[in-house]
């Protein structure tokens, strides 16, 4: 009984560290995205789009989910900046929870490998999730440079999560 309780406490701790690490990894990804946008001379904020097709993918996901449950008309384009940020951060934190669970079970010795694997998995999942919804095109329709940049963002995320988790686990 005591062992089961301590395992539950250990798992809760791993999940909390994972969530915190997910937020830190999301921050790392966001900083890199903003730095690239600045270097490209683009806006740093998320503007209100003219059409929903011009909205960032996270806001489009929220819109499609709302439409699926019959509430699509309640999601206004003026909310795109808020929706984009809310889903970006909650999605990154959720992946961190998953990493915390996996790290609790596997007990990785090399956070670098775990971070790279997480980054590649999150990048691939984005295409697996967003292509069927029509939000993304299949990856072969994008220029290699765009795919590489997107992969780089996700690798920064994964390495941020793994590094933060390892630091919090000490």
N, C-alpha and C. Protein backbone atom coordinates (compact mmCIF):
# COMPACT_ATOMS: atom_id res chain seq x y z
N UNK A 1 0.83 -1.19 0.00
CA UNK A 1 0.00 0.00 0.00
C UNK A 1 0.87 1.25 0.00
N UNK A 2 1.88 1.27 0.86
CA UNK A 2 2.76 2.43 0.94
C UNK A 2 3.54 2.61 -0.36
N UNK A 3 3.95 1.49 -0.98
CA UNK A 3 4.70 1.55 -2.24
C UNK A 3 3.82 2.13 -3.35
N UNK A 4 2.57 1.71 -3.41
CA UNK A 4 1.65 2.22 -4.44
C UNK A 4 1.46 3.73 -4.27
N UNK A 5 1.33 4.18 -3.03
CA UNK A 5 1.15 5.60 -2.78
C UNK A 5 2.39 6.37 -3.20
N UNK A 6 3.58 5.85 -2.89
CA UNK A 6 4.79 6.57 -3.28
C UNK A 6 4.97 6.57 -4.80
N UNK A 7 4.54 5.51 -5.47
CA UNK A 7 4.59 5.50 -6.94
C UNK A 7 3.65 6.55 -7.51
N UNK A 8 2.48 6.70 -6.91
CA UNK A 8 1.53 7.72 -7.35
C UNK A 8 2.08 9.12 -7.14
N UNK A 9 2.74 9.34 -6.03
CA UNK A 9 3.35 10.65 -5.77
C UNK A 9 4.47 10.91 -6.76
N UNK A 10 5.28 9.89 -7.05
CA UNK A 10 6.36 10.04 -8.02
C UNK A 10 5.79 10.37 -9.40
N UNK A 11 4.71 9.70 -9.79
CA UNK A 11 4.11 9.96 -11.09
C UNK A 11 3.55 11.38 -11.15
N UNK A 12 2.87 11.81 -10.11
CA UNK A 12 2.35 13.18 -10.08
C UNK A 12 3.48 14.19 -10.21
N UNK A 13 4.58 13.93 -9.52
CA UNK A 13 5.74 14.82 -9.62
C UNK A 13 6.29 14.85 -11.04
N UNK A 14 6.36 13.69 -11.69
CA UNK A 14 6.85 13.62 -13.07
C UNK A 14 5.92 14.38 -14.00
N UNK A 15 4.61 14.27 -13.79
CA UNK A 15 3.66 14.99 -14.64
C UNK A 15 3.75 16.49 -14.42
N UNK A 16 3.91 16.92 -13.19
CA UNK A 16 4.06 18.35 -12.91
C UNK A 16 5.35 18.89 -13.52
N UNK A 17 6.44 18.13 -13.38
CA UNK A 17 7.70 18.55 -14.01
C UNK A 17 7.53 18.58 -15.53
N UNK A 18 6.81 17.61 -16.06
CA UNK A 18 6.57 17.57 -17.50
C UNK A 18 5.78 18.77 -17.97
N UNK A 19 4.74 19.14 -17.24
CA UNK A 19 3.94 20.31 -17.62
C UNK A 19 4.79 21.57 -17.57
N UNK A 20 5.57 21.73 -16.51
CA UNK A 20 6.44 22.90 -16.41
C UNK A 20 7.47 22.89 -17.54
N UNK A 21 8.04 21.73 -17.81
CA UNK A 21 9.02 21.62 -18.89
C UNK A 21 8.37 21.90 -20.25
N UNK A 22 7.11 21.48 -20.41
CA UNK A 22 6.39 21.77 -21.65
C UNK A 22 6.22 23.26 -21.86
N UNK A 23 5.93 23.99 -20.78
CA UNK A 23 5.81 25.45 -20.89
C UNK A 23 7.17 26.07 -21.21
N UNK A 24 8.22 25.56 -20.61
CA UNK A 24 9.57 26.09 -20.88
C UNK A 24 9.97 25.78 -22.32
N UNK A 25 9.67 24.57 -22.79
CA UNK A 25 9.96 24.22 -24.18
C UNK A 25 9.17 25.08 -25.15
N UNK A 26 7.92 25.36 -24.80
CA UNK A 26 7.10 26.24 -25.64
C UNK A 26 7.70 27.64 -25.68
N UNK A 27 8.21 28.10 -24.55
CA UNK A 27 8.87 29.41 -24.51
C UNK A 27 10.10 29.41 -25.42
N UNK A 28 10.88 28.33 -25.38
CA UNK A 28 12.07 28.24 -26.24
C UNK A 28 11.68 28.30 -27.71
N UNK A 29 10.66 27.55 -28.07
CA UNK A 29 10.18 27.55 -29.46
C UNK A 29 9.69 28.94 -29.86
N UNK A 30 8.94 29.58 -28.98
CA UNK A 30 8.37 30.89 -29.26
C UNK A 30 9.47 31.94 -29.45
N UNK A 31 10.48 31.89 -28.60
CA UNK A 31 11.60 32.83 -28.72
C UNK A 31 12.29 32.65 -30.07
N UNK A 32 12.51 31.40 -30.47
CA UNK A 32 13.15 31.15 -31.77
C UNK A 32 12.26 31.63 -32.91
N UNK A 33 10.96 31.35 -32.84
CA UNK A 33 10.05 31.82 -33.89
C UNK A 33 10.06 33.34 -33.99
N UNK A 34 10.04 34.03 -32.87
CA UNK A 34 10.06 35.49 -32.88
C UNK A 34 11.38 36.03 -33.42
N UNK A 35 12.48 35.39 -33.07
CA UNK A 35 13.79 35.82 -33.58
C UNK A 35 13.86 35.67 -35.09
N UNK A 36 13.33 34.56 -35.61
CA UNK A 36 13.33 34.35 -37.06
C UNK A 36 12.42 35.39 -37.73
N UNK A 37 11.25 35.62 -37.16
CA UNK A 37 10.34 36.62 -37.74
C UNK A 37 10.99 38.00 -37.76
N UNK A 38 11.66 38.34 -36.68
CA UNK A 38 12.35 39.64 -36.63
C UNK A 38 13.43 39.71 -37.70
N UNK A 39 14.22 38.65 -37.82
CA UNK A 39 15.29 38.63 -38.83
C UNK A 39 14.72 38.73 -40.25
N UNK A 40 13.53 38.21 -40.45
CA UNK A 40 12.87 38.27 -41.76
C UNK A 40 12.13 39.59 -41.98
N UNK A 41 12.12 40.45 -40.96
CA UNK A 41 11.43 41.73 -41.08
C UNK A 41 9.92 41.61 -40.99
N UNK A 42 9.42 40.54 -40.39
CA UNK A 42 7.97 40.34 -40.27
C UNK A 42 7.47 40.86 -38.93
N UNK A 43 6.16 41.01 -38.85
CA UNK A 43 5.51 41.42 -37.61
C UNK A 43 5.77 40.39 -36.53
N UNK A 44 5.90 40.85 -35.30
CA UNK A 44 6.12 39.93 -34.18
C UNK A 44 4.81 39.54 -33.50
N UNK A 45 3.79 40.34 -33.68
CA UNK A 45 2.50 40.00 -33.07
C UNK A 45 1.68 39.16 -34.04
N UNK A 46 0.59 38.61 -33.55
CA UNK A 46 -0.34 37.86 -34.40
C UNK A 46 -1.47 38.79 -34.78
N UNK A 47 -1.53 39.18 -36.05
CA UNK A 47 -2.59 40.12 -36.45
C UNK A 47 -3.94 39.42 -36.60
N UNK A 48 -4.98 40.20 -36.59
CA UNK A 48 -6.31 39.68 -36.92
C UNK A 48 -6.32 39.47 -38.43
N UNK A 49 -6.60 38.25 -38.89
CA UNK A 49 -6.54 37.97 -40.33
C UNK A 49 -7.77 38.50 -41.06
N UNK A 50 -7.62 38.67 -42.38
CA UNK A 50 -8.77 39.07 -43.20
C UNK A 50 -9.72 37.89 -43.36
N UNK A 51 -9.16 36.67 -43.52
CA UNK A 51 -9.98 35.46 -43.67
C UNK A 51 -9.46 34.39 -42.70
N UNK A 52 -10.30 33.39 -42.44
CA UNK A 52 -9.87 32.31 -41.56
C UNK A 52 -8.74 31.50 -42.17
N UNK A 53 -8.67 31.42 -43.49
CA UNK A 53 -7.57 30.70 -44.14
C UNK A 53 -6.22 31.36 -43.87
N UNK A 54 -6.21 32.64 -43.56
CA UNK A 54 -4.98 33.36 -43.26
C UNK A 54 -4.60 33.28 -41.79
N UNK A 55 -5.47 32.73 -40.96
CA UNK A 55 -5.20 32.63 -39.52
C UNK A 55 -4.13 31.56 -39.27
N UNK A 56 -3.33 31.73 -38.22
CA UNK A 56 -2.36 30.70 -37.86
C UNK A 56 -3.07 29.38 -37.55
N UNK A 57 -2.35 28.29 -37.73
CA UNK A 57 -2.92 26.95 -37.55
C UNK A 57 -3.61 26.76 -36.20
N UNK A 58 -3.02 27.20 -35.07
CA UNK A 58 -3.73 26.98 -33.79
C UNK A 58 -5.13 27.59 -33.77
N UNK A 59 -5.28 28.80 -34.29
CA UNK A 59 -6.61 29.44 -34.31
C UNK A 59 -7.55 28.68 -35.23
N UNK A 60 -7.04 28.20 -36.35
CA UNK A 60 -7.88 27.42 -37.26
C UNK A 60 -8.36 26.12 -36.60
N UNK A 61 -7.52 25.50 -35.78
CA UNK A 61 -7.91 24.29 -35.06
C UNK A 61 -9.08 24.60 -34.13
N UNK A 62 -8.97 25.69 -33.39
CA UNK A 62 -10.06 26.08 -32.48
C UNK A 62 -11.34 26.33 -33.26
N UNK A 63 -11.24 27.04 -34.37
CA UNK A 63 -12.42 27.33 -35.19
C UNK A 63 -13.07 26.04 -35.68
N UNK A 64 -12.26 25.11 -36.20
CA UNK A 64 -12.81 23.85 -36.70
C UNK A 64 -13.43 23.01 -35.57
N UNK A 65 -12.81 23.02 -34.41
CA UNK A 65 -13.38 22.29 -33.27
C UNK A 65 -14.71 22.91 -32.85
N UNK A 66 -14.77 24.22 -32.84
CA UNK A 66 -16.02 24.90 -32.49
C UNK A 66 -17.10 24.59 -33.52
N UNK A 67 -16.73 24.56 -34.79
CA UNK A 67 -17.71 24.23 -35.83
C UNK A 67 -18.20 22.79 -35.67
N UNK A 68 -17.32 21.89 -35.26
CA UNK A 68 -17.69 20.48 -35.10
C UNK A 68 -18.74 20.28 -34.01
N UNK A 69 -18.74 21.17 -33.02
CA UNK A 69 -19.73 21.06 -31.95
C UNK A 69 -20.86 22.08 -32.08
N UNK A 70 -20.91 22.72 -33.25
CA UNK A 70 -22.01 23.65 -33.52
C UNK A 70 -21.84 25.04 -32.96
N UNK A 71 -20.64 25.41 -32.57
CA UNK A 71 -20.40 26.74 -32.00
C UNK A 71 -19.47 27.59 -32.86
N UNK A 72 -19.28 27.21 -34.11
CA UNK A 72 -18.34 27.89 -34.98
C UNK A 72 -18.63 29.36 -35.18
N UNK A 73 -19.91 29.71 -35.21
CA UNK A 73 -20.25 31.13 -35.45
C UNK A 73 -19.86 32.01 -34.27
N UNK A 74 -19.61 31.42 -33.12
CA UNK A 74 -19.24 32.20 -31.94
C UNK A 74 -17.76 32.55 -31.90
N UNK A 75 -16.98 31.97 -32.80
CA UNK A 75 -15.54 32.22 -32.82
C UNK A 75 -15.26 33.31 -33.86
N UNK A 76 -14.95 34.48 -33.37
CA UNK A 76 -14.74 35.63 -34.25
C UNK A 76 -13.26 35.78 -34.61
N UNK A 77 -13.01 36.31 -35.80
CA UNK A 77 -11.63 36.52 -36.25
C UNK A 77 -10.86 37.45 -35.31
N UNK A 78 -11.55 38.36 -34.65
CA UNK A 78 -10.86 39.28 -33.75
C UNK A 78 -10.20 38.54 -32.58
N UNK A 79 -10.64 37.29 -32.34
CA UNK A 79 -10.06 36.49 -31.26
C UNK A 79 -8.86 35.66 -31.70
N UNK A 80 -8.50 35.74 -32.97
CA UNK A 80 -7.40 34.92 -33.50
C UNK A 80 -6.10 35.06 -32.69
N UNK A 81 -5.65 36.27 -32.35
CA UNK A 81 -4.40 36.36 -31.58
C UNK A 81 -4.48 35.61 -30.25
N UNK A 82 -5.57 35.77 -29.53
CA UNK A 82 -5.75 35.08 -28.25
C UNK A 82 -5.84 33.57 -28.45
N UNK A 83 -6.64 33.13 -29.41
CA UNK A 83 -6.80 31.69 -29.67
C UNK A 83 -5.48 31.05 -30.08
N UNK A 84 -4.72 31.74 -30.91
CA UNK A 84 -3.43 31.23 -31.36
C UNK A 84 -2.51 31.00 -30.18
N UNK A 85 -2.38 32.00 -29.34
CA UNK A 85 -1.49 31.86 -28.18
C UNK A 85 -1.99 30.83 -27.18
N UNK A 86 -3.28 30.82 -26.92
CA UNK A 86 -3.82 29.87 -25.95
C UNK A 86 -3.59 28.43 -26.39
N UNK A 87 -3.87 28.14 -27.65
CA UNK A 87 -3.68 26.75 -28.11
C UNK A 87 -2.20 26.41 -28.22
N UNK A 88 -1.38 27.33 -28.68
CA UNK A 88 0.07 27.10 -28.79
C UNK A 88 0.64 26.70 -27.42
N UNK A 89 0.31 27.45 -26.39
CA UNK A 89 0.86 27.18 -25.06
C UNK A 89 0.23 25.94 -24.42
N UNK A 90 -1.06 25.75 -24.60
CA UNK A 90 -1.68 24.56 -23.99
C UNK A 90 -1.23 23.29 -24.69
N UNK A 91 -1.05 23.33 -26.00
CA UNK A 91 -0.57 22.17 -26.76
C UNK A 91 0.85 21.82 -26.33
N UNK A 92 1.71 22.83 -26.23
CA UNK A 92 3.09 22.58 -25.80
C UNK A 92 3.16 22.04 -24.39
N UNK A 93 2.33 22.56 -23.50
CA UNK A 93 2.31 22.06 -22.13
C UNK A 93 1.81 20.63 -22.07
N UNK A 94 0.83 20.31 -22.89
CA UNK A 94 0.29 18.94 -22.93
C UNK A 94 1.34 17.95 -23.42
N UNK A 95 2.08 18.32 -24.46
CA UNK A 95 3.17 17.44 -24.91
C UNK A 95 4.19 17.26 -23.78
N UNK A 96 4.41 18.30 -23.00
CA UNK A 96 5.31 18.18 -21.85
C UNK A 96 4.80 17.19 -20.82
N UNK A 97 3.48 17.17 -20.61
CA UNK A 97 2.90 16.14 -19.72
C UNK A 97 3.23 14.74 -20.23
N UNK A 98 3.06 14.55 -21.52
CA UNK A 98 3.39 13.26 -22.11
C UNK A 98 4.85 12.91 -21.94
N UNK A 99 5.71 13.91 -22.10
CA UNK A 99 7.14 13.67 -21.91
C UNK A 99 7.41 13.30 -20.45
N UNK A 100 6.76 13.99 -19.53
CA UNK A 100 6.94 13.67 -18.10
C UNK A 100 6.52 12.25 -17.79
N UNK A 101 5.41 11.81 -18.37
CA UNK A 101 4.97 10.42 -18.16
C UNK A 101 5.99 9.44 -18.74
N UNK A 102 6.42 9.70 -19.98
CA UNK A 102 7.39 8.82 -20.63
C UNK A 102 8.70 8.79 -19.84
N UNK A 103 9.15 9.95 -19.38
CA UNK A 103 10.40 10.00 -18.62
C UNK A 103 10.27 9.25 -17.30
N UNK A 104 9.10 9.29 -16.71
CA UNK A 104 8.86 8.55 -15.47
C UNK A 104 8.96 7.04 -15.71
N UNK A 105 8.44 6.59 -16.84
CA UNK A 105 8.44 5.16 -17.15
C UNK A 105 9.80 4.69 -17.64
N UNK A 106 10.41 5.45 -18.55
CA UNK A 106 11.64 5.02 -19.22
C UNK A 106 12.90 5.42 -18.46
N UNK A 107 12.86 6.52 -17.75
CA UNK A 107 14.01 7.07 -17.04
C UNK A 107 15.20 7.27 -17.99
N UNK A 108 15.06 8.21 -18.94
CA UNK A 108 16.11 8.39 -19.94
C UNK A 108 17.42 8.88 -19.32
N UNK A 109 18.51 8.39 -19.86
CA UNK A 109 19.84 8.81 -19.38
C UNK A 109 20.37 9.98 -20.18
N UNK A 110 19.83 10.16 -21.37
CA UNK A 110 20.34 11.19 -22.26
C UNK A 110 19.22 12.15 -22.67
N UNK A 111 19.11 13.29 -21.98
CA UNK A 111 18.05 14.24 -22.34
C UNK A 111 18.17 14.76 -23.77
N UNK A 112 19.38 14.81 -24.30
CA UNK A 112 19.56 15.30 -25.67
C UNK A 112 18.80 14.40 -26.65
N UNK A 113 18.97 13.10 -26.52
CA UNK A 113 18.27 12.17 -27.41
C UNK A 113 16.76 12.25 -27.21
N UNK A 114 16.34 12.33 -25.95
CA UNK A 114 14.91 12.45 -25.67
C UNK A 114 14.33 13.73 -26.23
N UNK A 115 15.07 14.82 -26.14
CA UNK A 115 14.60 16.10 -26.66
C UNK A 115 14.50 16.10 -28.17
N UNK A 116 15.49 15.52 -28.83
CA UNK A 116 15.43 15.43 -30.29
C UNK A 116 14.26 14.56 -30.73
N UNK A 117 14.07 13.43 -30.04
CA UNK A 117 12.95 12.54 -30.39
C UNK A 117 11.62 13.24 -30.17
N UNK A 118 11.49 13.98 -29.07
CA UNK A 118 10.25 14.70 -28.80
C UNK A 118 10.00 15.76 -29.87
N UNK A 119 11.03 16.49 -30.25
CA UNK A 119 10.88 17.52 -31.27
C UNK A 119 10.43 16.96 -32.60
N UNK A 120 11.05 15.84 -33.01
CA UNK A 120 10.67 15.20 -34.28
C UNK A 120 9.23 14.67 -34.18
N UNK A 121 8.89 14.09 -33.03
CA UNK A 121 7.53 13.55 -32.86
C UNK A 121 6.49 14.66 -32.91
N UNK A 122 6.75 15.78 -32.25
CA UNK A 122 5.79 16.89 -32.26
C UNK A 122 5.66 17.47 -33.66
N UNK A 123 6.78 17.56 -34.39
CA UNK A 123 6.77 18.08 -35.76
C UNK A 123 5.95 17.16 -36.67
N UNK A 124 6.22 15.85 -36.58
CA UNK A 124 5.49 14.89 -37.41
C UNK A 124 4.00 14.87 -37.04
N UNK A 125 3.70 14.97 -35.75
CA UNK A 125 2.31 14.97 -35.30
C UNK A 125 1.55 16.17 -35.86
N UNK A 126 2.21 17.30 -35.98
CA UNK A 126 1.55 18.48 -36.54
C UNK A 126 1.03 18.18 -37.94
N UNK A 127 1.84 17.53 -38.75
CA UNK A 127 1.40 17.21 -40.11
C UNK A 127 0.35 16.10 -40.08
N UNK A 128 0.52 15.12 -39.22
CA UNK A 128 -0.45 14.03 -39.13
C UNK A 128 -1.81 14.54 -38.67
N UNK A 129 -1.83 15.55 -37.84
CA UNK A 129 -3.08 16.10 -37.32
C UNK A 129 -3.69 17.16 -38.24
N UNK A 130 -2.85 17.98 -38.85
CA UNK A 130 -3.36 19.15 -39.56
C UNK A 130 -3.58 18.93 -41.05
N UNK A 131 -2.91 17.97 -41.65
CA UNK A 131 -3.15 17.69 -43.07
C UNK A 131 -4.58 17.17 -43.28
N UNK A 132 -5.05 16.19 -42.51
CA UNK A 132 -6.42 15.71 -42.74
C UNK A 132 -7.50 16.77 -42.53
N UNK A 133 -7.22 17.77 -41.71
CA UNK A 133 -8.20 18.83 -41.46
C UNK A 133 -8.20 19.89 -42.55
N UNK A 134 -7.19 19.86 -43.43
CA UNK A 134 -7.08 20.86 -44.48
C UNK A 134 -6.36 22.12 -44.03
N UNK A 135 -5.86 22.15 -42.81
CA UNK A 135 -5.14 23.32 -42.31
C UNK A 135 -3.73 23.36 -42.88
N UNK A 136 -3.09 22.21 -42.97
CA UNK A 136 -1.77 22.09 -43.59
C UNK A 136 -1.89 21.32 -44.89
N UNK A 137 -0.96 21.56 -45.77
CA UNK A 137 -0.79 20.75 -46.97
C UNK A 137 0.10 19.56 -46.59
N UNK A 138 0.11 18.50 -47.39
CA UNK A 138 1.06 17.42 -47.12
C UNK A 138 2.49 17.98 -47.17
N UNK A 139 3.39 17.43 -46.38
CA UNK A 139 4.73 18.02 -46.28
C UNK A 139 5.48 18.12 -47.60
N UNK A 140 5.24 17.21 -48.53
CA UNK A 140 5.96 17.25 -49.80
C UNK A 140 5.55 18.44 -50.67
N UNK A 141 4.52 19.16 -50.27
CA UNK A 141 4.09 20.34 -51.04
C UNK A 141 4.74 21.63 -50.53
N UNK A 142 5.53 21.53 -49.48
CA UNK A 142 6.23 22.70 -48.94
C UNK A 142 7.68 22.69 -49.41
N UNK A 143 8.27 23.87 -49.56
CA UNK A 143 9.70 23.91 -49.88
C UNK A 143 10.51 23.30 -48.74
N UNK A 144 11.62 22.67 -49.09
CA UNK A 144 12.48 22.04 -48.08
C UNK A 144 12.93 23.04 -47.02
N UNK A 145 13.17 24.28 -47.42
CA UNK A 145 13.62 25.29 -46.46
C UNK A 145 12.54 25.59 -45.41
N UNK A 146 11.28 25.58 -45.83
CA UNK A 146 10.18 25.82 -44.88
C UNK A 146 10.01 24.65 -43.93
N UNK A 147 10.13 23.44 -44.44
CA UNK A 147 10.05 22.25 -43.59
C UNK A 147 11.20 22.22 -42.58
N UNK A 148 12.39 22.57 -43.04
CA UNK A 148 13.56 22.57 -42.16
C UNK A 148 13.40 23.60 -41.05
N UNK A 149 12.89 24.77 -41.39
CA UNK A 149 12.68 25.80 -40.38
C UNK A 149 11.65 25.34 -39.35
N UNK A 150 10.55 24.76 -39.84
CA UNK A 150 9.52 24.25 -38.94
C UNK A 150 10.07 23.13 -38.05
N UNK A 151 10.86 22.24 -38.63
CA UNK A 151 11.50 21.19 -37.84
C UNK A 151 12.42 21.82 -36.79
N UNK A 152 13.17 22.85 -37.18
CA UNK A 152 14.05 23.53 -36.23
C UNK A 152 13.29 24.09 -35.04
N UNK A 153 12.13 24.69 -35.29
CA UNK A 153 11.30 25.19 -34.18
C UNK A 153 10.93 24.06 -33.23
N UNK A 154 10.52 22.94 -33.80
CA UNK A 154 10.09 21.81 -32.98
C UNK A 154 11.26 21.15 -32.25
N UNK A 155 12.43 21.15 -32.86
CA UNK A 155 13.62 20.63 -32.16
C UNK A 155 13.98 21.53 -30.99
N UNK A 156 13.86 22.84 -31.17
CA UNK A 156 14.09 23.77 -30.05
C UNK A 156 13.11 23.48 -28.93
N UNK A 157 11.86 23.21 -29.30
CA UNK A 157 10.85 22.85 -28.31
C UNK A 157 11.25 21.58 -27.56
N UNK A 158 11.55 20.52 -28.30
CA UNK A 158 11.88 19.25 -27.68
C UNK A 158 13.10 19.33 -26.79
N UNK A 159 14.13 20.01 -27.25
CA UNK A 159 15.34 20.17 -26.43
C UNK A 159 15.06 21.02 -25.20
N UNK A 160 14.20 22.03 -25.36
CA UNK A 160 13.82 22.84 -24.21
C UNK A 160 13.07 22.03 -23.17
N UNK A 161 12.15 21.19 -23.63
CA UNK A 161 11.39 20.34 -22.70
C UNK A 161 12.33 19.37 -21.99
N UNK A 162 13.13 18.66 -22.75
CA UNK A 162 14.02 17.64 -22.15
C UNK A 162 15.03 18.27 -21.19
N UNK A 163 15.60 19.40 -21.60
CA UNK A 163 16.56 20.06 -20.71
C UNK A 163 15.91 20.57 -19.44
N UNK A 164 14.75 21.18 -19.56
CA UNK A 164 14.03 21.68 -18.39
C UNK A 164 13.61 20.52 -17.49
N UNK A 165 13.12 19.44 -18.10
CA UNK A 165 12.70 18.30 -17.29
C UNK A 165 13.88 17.73 -16.51
N UNK A 166 15.02 17.57 -17.19
CA UNK A 166 16.21 17.03 -16.52
C UNK A 166 16.63 17.94 -15.37
N UNK A 167 16.59 19.25 -15.59
CA UNK A 167 16.96 20.19 -14.52
C UNK A 167 15.98 20.13 -13.35
N UNK A 168 14.69 20.02 -13.66
CA UNK A 168 13.68 19.96 -12.60
C UNK A 168 13.69 18.62 -11.88
N UNK A 169 14.20 17.60 -12.53
CA UNK A 169 14.22 16.26 -11.93
C UNK A 169 15.38 16.08 -10.96
N UNK A 170 16.31 17.00 -10.95
CA UNK A 170 17.47 16.89 -10.04
C UNK A 170 17.10 17.27 -8.64
